Amino acid sequence: MNTYKTIDIARIIGIHVNTVRLYEKCGFIPKPERLNNGYRVFTDQHIEQFRLARAALQVEVLQNGLRKQAVDIIKVSALGNYEKAMELTRRYIVQIDIEKANAEEAIRITHSILSGMSERNVGMQRTYRRKEAADVLGVTIDTLRNWELNGLFTIKRTENRYRVYTEEDMLRLKIIRSLRCANYSLSAILRMLQALSDDPQTYIRKAIDTPKDDDIIRACDKLLTSLNEAKNNAFYVACQIEKMKKLSE
């Protein structure tokens, strides 16, 4: 197997030598052996691991644990546990598909509201308790509480003071969820949705009239693009895992 110095790795991968050391410090690559003079010795296995890590870290989506899942894959692969790394990669791809479905739903809801066909008029109306709403949305109760505290929506209460979420609330929350996944700040989301009133058509149209960077549909489209790129990178990561598994045999 070929061996390389730190500067060689930096040139091959196209990164700074300090980044090579950072990857080692973060556990993104196997610990390289060292010569008597302290110089690191890298192998072909390291090169493939660097390529895996670079691909996994290209994802722009930070929400809902996708970044953490990518980092876990990198670290497990660096330890040489390729079976587990492959299983984590499969789970990662499944999660990406879930996030894509969420973003597509947000676009569909927005289009529906713009056309005057709000989903709140479809089927029987129901309400959700906070735990139920969190489960449906795939977020934590603390996340819902944070959105409420930041003014993204106002919780309704029953006569006995229980918090409840209506179908209209759920539509709004689904859009918020996707905008957060698209890395929009809470203040940006609030700016987009602050025109919300009893007429959902009004608040969406006002939001769409804001600058293009704050366009809800555009944000979700950008999210879908990022998720598609993340999925392609995940398939590349899977191929890299198989390649490194063979190199280790």
Protein backbone atom coordinates (compact mmCIF):
# COMPACT_ATOMS: atom_id res chain seq x y z
CA MET A 1 0.00 0.00 0.00
CA ASN A 2 1.26 3.47 -0.88
CA THR A 3 2.28 5.89 1.86
CA TYR A 4 1.96 9.66 1.93
CA LYS A 5 3.11 12.65 3.95
CA THR A 6 0.76 15.31 5.32
CA ILE A 7 1.59 17.67 2.45
CA ASP A 8 0.85 14.89 -0.05
CA ILE A 9 -2.59 14.34 1.44
CA ALA A 10 -3.31 18.06 1.38
CA ARG A 11 -2.43 18.27 -2.31
CA ILE A 12 -4.35 15.14 -3.32
CA ILE A 13 -7.54 16.09 -1.45
CA GLY A 14 -7.21 19.81 -2.15
CA ILE A 15 -7.17 21.04 1.43
CA HIS A 16 -4.78 22.90 3.75
CA VAL A 17 -2.33 20.89 5.83
CA ASN A 18 -3.99 22.28 8.94
CA THR A 19 -7.26 20.74 7.77
CA VAL A 20 -5.54 17.38 7.54
CA ARG A 21 -4.51 17.72 11.19
CA LEU A 22 -8.00 18.93 12.13
CA TYR A 23 -9.60 15.83 10.59
CA GLU A 24 -7.25 13.68 12.63
CA LYS A 25 -8.07 15.62 15.80
CA CYS A 26 -11.82 15.28 15.17
CA GLY A 27 -11.58 11.53 14.59
CA PHE A 28 -12.63 11.82 10.95
CA ILE A 29 -9.73 9.64 9.76
CA PRO A 30 -7.85 6.66 11.20
CA LYS A 31 -4.97 7.63 13.46
CA PRO A 32 -1.91 7.71 11.19
CA GLU A 33 1.30 6.02 12.22
CA ARG A 34 4.31 8.22 12.94
CA LEU A 35 7.96 7.89 12.02
CA ASN A 36 10.72 8.28 14.59
CA ASN A 37 10.97 11.96 13.63
CA GLY A 38 7.26 12.42 14.41
CA TYR A 39 6.13 12.74 10.81
CA ARG A 40 2.71 11.27 10.07
CA VAL A 41 2.43 8.41 7.60
CA PHE A 42 -0.81 8.15 5.63
CA THR A 43 -2.00 5.35 3.35
CA ASP A 44 -4.50 4.82 0.54
CA GLN A 45 -7.03 4.00 3.24
CA HIS A 46 -6.65 7.52 4.59
CA ILE A 47 -7.16 9.06 1.16
CA GLU A 48 -10.45 7.20 0.68
CA GLN A 49 -11.57 8.14 4.20
CA PHE A 50 -10.77 11.80 3.50
CA ARG A 51 -12.91 11.61 0.35
CA LEU A 52 -15.74 10.02 2.31
CA ALA A 53 -15.58 12.70 5.00
CA ARG A 54 -15.47 15.56 2.49
CA ALA A 55 -18.54 14.22 0.70
CA ALA A 56 -20.50 13.64 3.91
CA LEU A 57 -19.71 17.14 5.22
CA GLN A 58 -20.86 18.89 2.03
CA VAL A 59 -24.48 18.71 3.19
CA GLU A 60 -25.93 22.15 3.88
CA VAL A 61 -28.87 20.83 5.90
CA LEU A 62 -28.18 21.21 9.60
CA GLN A 63 -31.59 20.56 11.12
CA ASN A 64 -33.22 17.41 12.50
CA GLY A 65 -29.95 15.65 13.20
CA LEU A 66 -28.78 15.16 9.61
CA ARG A 67 -25.40 16.80 10.24
CA LYS A 68 -24.87 14.69 13.36
CA GLN A 69 -25.76 11.52 11.45
CA ALA A 70 -23.22 12.41 8.76
CA VAL A 71 -20.52 13.00 11.39
CA ASP A 72 -21.36 9.68 13.08
CA ILE A 73 -20.91 7.86 9.77
CA ILE A 74 -17.51 9.49 9.27
CA LYS A 75 -16.27 8.62 12.76
CA VAL A 76 -17.49 5.03 12.68
CA SER A 77 -15.89 4.50 9.27
CA ALA A 78 -12.63 6.02 10.54
CA LEU A 79 -12.61 3.37 13.27
CA GLY A 80 -12.82 0.68 10.60
CA ASN A 81 -16.30 -0.51 11.59
CA TYR A 82 -17.58 -0.59 8.02
CA GLU A 83 -20.65 -2.73 8.65
CA LYS A 84 -21.97 -0.26 11.21
CA ALA A 85 -20.99 2.69 9.01
CA MET A 86 -23.02 1.20 6.16
CA GLU A 87 -26.02 0.68 8.41
CA LEU A 88 -25.78 4.30 9.61
CA THR A 89 -25.59 5.42 5.98
CA ARG A 90 -28.79 3.53 5.14
CA ARG A 91 -30.56 5.20 8.08
CA TYR A 92 -29.19 8.55 6.94
CA ILE A 93 -30.67 8.08 3.47
CA VAL A 94 -34.03 7.17 4.99
CA GLN A 95 -33.96 10.36 7.10
CA ILE A 96 -33.11 12.43 4.04
CA ASP A 97 -36.16 11.00 2.26
CA ILE A 98 -38.32 11.93 5.26
CA GLU A 99 -37.01 15.50 5.19
CA LYS A 100 -37.64 15.68 1.43
CA ALA A 101 -41.24 14.59 1.99
CA ASN A 102 -41.62 17.28 4.67
CA ALA A 103 -40.29 20.00 2.36
CA GLU A 104 -42.52 18.86 -0.48
CA GLU A 105 -45.48 18.93 1.88
CA ALA A 106 -44.66 22.52 2.89
CA ILE A 107 -44.61 23.52 -0.78
CA ARG A 108 -47.91 21.74 -1.39
CA ILE A 109 -49.53 23.43 1.61
CA THR A 110 -48.30 26.84 0.47
CA HIS A 111 -49.58 26.32 -3.07
CA SER A 112 -52.89 25.13 -1.66
CA ILE A 113 -53.26 28.25 0.48
CA LEU A 114 -52.29 30.50 -2.43
CA SER A 115 -54.99 28.92 -4.58
CA GLY A 116 -57.55 29.41 -1.82
CA MET A 117 -57.89 25.73 -1.05
CA SER A 118 -56.55 25.57 2.49
CA GLU A 119 -56.26 22.07 3.89
CA ARG A 120 -58.07 23.18 6.99
CA ASN A 121 -61.30 22.86 4.99
CA VAL A 122 -60.63 19.26 4.08
CA GLY A 123 -62.16 16.52 6.22
CA MET A 124 -63.12 16.66 9.87
CA GLN A 125 -61.39 19.21 12.04
CA ARG A 126 -59.48 17.99 15.04
CA THR A 127 -57.13 19.34 17.64
CA TYR A 128 -53.82 18.03 18.93
CA ARG A 129 -52.21 18.11 22.34
CA ARG A 130 -48.61 19.31 22.39
CA LYS A 131 -47.14 15.80 22.51
CA GLU A 132 -49.37 14.68 19.63
CA ALA A 133 -48.42 17.73 17.57
CA ALA A 134 -44.71 17.14 18.23
CA ASP A 135 -45.01 13.49 17.17
CA VAL A 136 -46.86 14.36 13.96
CA LEU A 137 -44.28 17.00 13.07
CA GLY A 138 -41.30 14.88 14.06
CA VAL A 139 -39.93 17.53 16.43
CA THR A 140 -39.50 17.74 20.18
CA ILE A 141 -41.87 19.38 22.63
CA ASP A 142 -39.06 21.80 23.50
CA THR A 143 -38.87 22.80 19.83
CA LEU A 144 -42.57 23.66 19.78
CA ARG A 145 -42.17 25.58 23.01
CA ASN A 146 -39.22 27.49 21.52
CA TRP A 147 -41.20 28.43 18.41
CA GLU A 148 -44.04 29.64 20.60
CA LEU A 149 -41.73 31.70 22.84
CA ASN A 150 -40.23 33.32 19.75
CA GLY A 151 -43.66 34.40 18.54
CA LEU A 152 -43.95 32.12 15.50
CA PHE A 153 -47.42 31.08 16.60
CA THR A 154 -49.82 31.61 19.48
CA ILE A 155 -51.05 28.55 21.33
CA LYS A 156 -54.75 28.11 21.93
CA ARG A 157 -56.19 26.69 25.11
CA THR A 158 -59.33 24.78 25.94
CA GLU A 159 -61.70 25.78 28.72
CA ASN A 160 -59.72 23.61 31.13
CA ARG A 161 -56.52 25.47 30.04
CA TYR A 162 -54.98 22.60 28.09
CA ARG A 163 -52.84 23.68 25.13
CA VAL A 164 -54.28 22.53 21.81
CA TYR A 165 -53.15 22.80 18.21
CA THR A 166 -55.71 23.17 15.44
CA GLU A 167 -55.44 21.95 11.85
CA GLU A 168 -54.58 25.52 10.85
CA ASP A 169 -51.80 25.55 13.45
CA MET A 170 -50.45 22.29 12.04
CA LEU A 171 -50.28 23.76 8.53
CA ARG A 172 -48.34 26.73 9.84
CA LEU A 173 -46.05 24.51 11.92
CA LYS A 174 -45.26 22.27 8.94
CA ILE A 175 -44.10 25.29 6.98
CA ILE A 176 -42.05 26.53 9.95
CA ARG A 177 -40.47 23.09 10.30
CA SER A 178 -39.28 23.08 6.69
CA LEU A 179 -38.05 26.66 6.85
CA ARG A 180 -36.01 25.78 9.93
CA CYS A 181 -34.62 22.76 8.15
CA ALA A 182 -33.67 25.10 5.31
CA ASN A 183 -31.55 26.99 7.87
CA TYR A 184 -33.77 30.07 8.09
CA SER A 185 -33.44 31.86 11.41
CA LEU A 186 -36.40 32.20 13.74
CA SER A 187 -36.41 35.96 13.13
CA ALA A 188 -36.53 35.44 9.35
CA ILE A 189 -39.41 32.99 9.69
CA LEU A 190 -41.25 35.38 11.99
CA ARG A 191 -40.78 38.15 9.45
CA MET A 192 -42.27 35.93 6.76
CA LEU A 193 -45.26 34.87 8.85
CA GLN A 194 -46.01 37.91 10.99
CA ALA A 195 -48.88 38.89 8.65
CA LEU A 196 -50.78 35.77 9.70
CA SER A 197 -54.45 36.39 10.44
CA ASP A 198 -57.63 34.37 10.49
CA ASP A 199 -57.42 34.29 6.70
CA PRO A 200 -54.47 32.04 5.85
CA GLN A 201 -54.55 33.27 2.26
CA THR A 202 -53.67 36.74 3.50
CA TYR A 203 -50.57 35.83 5.46
CA ILE A 204 -49.09 33.60 2.78
CA ARG A 205 -49.61 36.19 0.07
CA LYS A 206 -47.96 38.87 2.19
CA ALA A 207 -45.09 36.52 2.91
CA ILE A 208 -44.66 35.76 -0.78
CA ASP A 209 -44.54 39.53 -1.46
CA THR A 210 -41.42 39.90 0.72
CA PRO A 211 -37.94 39.85 -0.88
CA LYS A 212 -37.11 36.69 -2.79
CA ASP A 213 -34.71 35.47 -0.13
CA ASP A 214 -37.71 35.21 2.19
CA ASP A 215 -39.96 33.39 -0.26
CA ILE A 216 -41.37 30.30 1.44
CA ILE A 217 -41.60 28.22 -1.72
CA ARG A 218 -38.13 29.29 -2.81
CA ALA A 219 -36.74 28.32 0.61
CA CYS A 220 -38.28 24.85 0.41
CA ASP A 221 -37.07 24.41 -3.16
CA LYS A 222 -33.54 25.28 -2.02
CA LEU A 223 -33.95 22.78 0.79
CA LEU A 224 -35.00 20.06 -1.66
CA THR A 225 -31.95 20.81 -3.79
CA SER A 226 -29.71 20.51 -0.73
CA LEU A 227 -31.38 17.26 0.33
CA ASN A 228 -30.99 15.77 -3.15
CA GLU A 229 -27.31 16.66 -3.05
CA ALA A 230 -27.04 15.13 0.41
CA LYS A 231 -28.62 11.92 -0.86
CA ASN A 232 -26.24 11.74 -3.82
CA ASN A 233 -23.33 12.28 -1.44
CA ALA A 234 -24.69 9.55 0.83
CA PHE A 235 -24.63 7.08 -2.05
CA TYR A 236 -21.03 8.11 -2.74
CA VAL A 237 -20.23 7.58 0.94
CA ALA A 238 -21.70 4.07 0.73
CA CYS A 239 -19.44 3.32 -2.23
CA GLN A 240 -16.44 4.65 -0.31
CA ILE A 241 -17.26 2.41 2.64
CA GLU A 242 -17.33 -0.62 0.36
CA LYS A 243 -14.04 0.44 -1.22
CA MET A 244 -12.33 0.85 2.15
CA LYS A 245 -13.73 -2.43 3.38
CA LYS A 246 -12.04 -4.16 0.44
CA LEU A 247 -8.80 -2.27 1.01
CA SER A 248 -8.74 -3.47 4.62
CA GLU A 249 -9.18 -7.12 3.68
